[in-house]
Amino acid sequence: MSMLPGLLAYEKTPRGLGDLLSVAAGCAERCGTREVPPIAGPAATAGRKSASQTARQAALLLAAFPAGAEESTPEAVGPEAPGPDRKDQGVADPGI
C-alpha cells in the first residue's frame, strides 16, 4: 500500500492503477483497516468527475477507512515532495 500515494499523484493515471486499487480496496474491506494508517491520495482520485475504474476503486478504498481518516491524520502514508502536478511516467520502484 505504500506505493499507492505516489501512483495516485500522477497527472495521467498509470496503466493498471484501477486494478491495483481494486485489489487494495478488496483487501481493506476483507481484512479491515483498524491498525493501518490512512493512505494519502484516494480522496482526490475518488472525487474526480469520472466513471473510471480508478475513481470507483479509489472511492471503495477510501470508504474502507474511518470517515475523515485521510484528512484528520497528519501521518497519512504518502510522498512528501511530489504532488498532483507530477507528470513523469517513470517506472515505479516496487521496493522488493
Protein backbone atom coordinates (compact mmCIF):
# COMPACT_ATOMS: atom_id res chain seq x y z
CA MET A 1 0.00 0.00 0.00
CA SER A 2 2.96 2.31 0.41
CA MET A 3 3.21 2.73 -3.38
CA LEU A 4 -0.34 4.00 -3.82
CA PRO A 5 0.18 7.65 -2.82
CA GLY A 6 2.94 8.07 -5.41
CA LEU A 7 0.86 6.40 -8.11
CA LEU A 8 -2.21 8.46 -7.23
CA ALA A 9 -0.16 11.67 -7.57
CA TYR A 10 0.40 11.28 -11.32
CA GLU A 11 -1.45 13.74 -13.53
CA LYS A 12 -2.10 10.99 -16.09
CA THR A 13 -3.35 7.77 -14.49
CA PRO A 14 -0.75 4.99 -14.80
CA ARG A 15 -1.93 1.89 -16.65
CA GLY A 16 -3.30 -0.76 -14.30
CA LEU A 17 -3.90 1.62 -11.36
CA GLY A 18 -7.62 0.82 -11.31
CA ASP A 19 -6.82 -2.88 -10.99
CA LEU A 20 -4.30 -2.21 -8.22
CA LEU A 21 -6.83 -0.06 -6.34
CA SER A 22 -9.39 -2.83 -6.76
CA VAL A 23 -7.08 -5.30 -5.03
CA ALA A 24 -6.24 -2.78 -2.28
CA ALA A 25 -9.92 -1.95 -1.70
CA GLY A 26 -10.82 -5.65 -1.57
CA CYS A 27 -8.08 -6.36 0.94
CA ALA A 28 -9.05 -3.37 3.07
CA GLU A 29 -12.72 -4.43 3.09
CA ARG A 30 -11.95 -8.05 3.96
CA CYS A 31 -9.15 -7.52 6.48
CA GLY A 32 -10.16 -4.18 7.95
CA THR A 33 -8.12 -1.02 8.40
CA ARG A 34 -8.13 -0.62 12.17
CA GLU A 35 -4.33 -0.69 12.57
CA VAL A 36 -3.43 0.61 9.11
CA PRO A 37 -2.54 4.30 8.76
CA PRO A 38 -4.71 6.14 6.22
CA ILE A 39 -3.35 6.38 2.69
CA ALA A 40 -2.83 9.82 1.19
CA GLY A 41 -4.46 10.44 -2.17
CA PRO A 42 -7.61 8.34 -2.61
CA ALA A 43 -9.96 11.23 -1.74
CA ALA A 44 -8.72 13.38 -4.63
CA THR A 45 -8.88 10.45 -7.04
CA ALA A 46 -12.32 9.36 -5.82
CA GLY A 47 -13.57 12.94 -6.18
CA ARG A 48 -12.79 13.12 -9.89
CA LYS A 49 -15.75 13.71 -12.16
CA SER A 50 -15.18 10.39 -13.88
CA ALA A 51 -16.79 7.00 -14.16
CA SER A 52 -13.39 5.33 -14.50
CA GLN A 53 -12.49 2.18 -12.64
CA THR A 54 -9.70 4.13 -10.95
CA ALA A 55 -12.14 6.67 -9.46
CA ARG A 56 -14.63 3.97 -8.41
CA GLN A 57 -11.98 1.81 -6.75
CA ALA A 58 -10.41 4.82 -5.00
CA ALA A 59 -13.84 5.59 -3.55
CA LEU A 60 -14.18 1.99 -2.31
CA LEU A 61 -10.71 2.12 -0.77
CA LEU A 62 -11.49 5.44 0.90
CA ALA A 63 -14.75 4.01 2.27
CA ALA A 64 -12.82 1.18 3.94
CA PHE A 65 -11.15 3.69 6.28
CA PRO A 66 -12.97 5.52 9.09
CA ALA A 67 -14.76 8.69 7.97
CA GLY A 68 -12.37 11.61 7.62
CA ALA A 69 -9.28 9.50 8.32
CA GLU A 70 -7.28 10.84 5.38
CA GLU A 71 -7.88 14.48 6.23
CA SER A 72 -7.61 14.22 10.01
CA THR A 73 -4.47 12.12 10.26
CA PRO A 74 -1.29 14.11 9.63
CA GLU A 75 0.81 10.94 9.50
CA ALA A 76 -1.10 9.57 6.49
CA VAL A 77 1.23 7.40 4.44
CA GLY A 78 2.31 9.21 1.29
CA PRO A 79 5.04 11.00 -0.62
CA GLU A 80 6.38 14.14 0.95
CA ALA A 81 7.53 16.12 -2.09
CA PRO A 82 5.62 15.08 -5.24
CA GLY A 83 2.15 16.49 -5.62
CA PRO A 84 -0.75 16.05 -8.00
CA ASP A 85 1.10 18.02 -10.71
CA ARG A 86 3.64 15.22 -11.10
CA LYS A 87 3.90 14.49 -14.84
CA ASP A 88 6.66 11.92 -15.17
CA GLN A 89 5.53 8.42 -16.00
CA GLY A 90 8.70 6.59 -14.97
CA VAL A 91 8.63 3.04 -13.73
CA ALA A 92 7.81 2.88 -10.04
CA ASP A 93 10.29 1.06 -7.82
CA PRO A 94 8.44 -1.98 -6.48
CA GLY A 95 10.53 -1.90 -3.31
CA ILE A 96 11.17 -5.62 -3.41
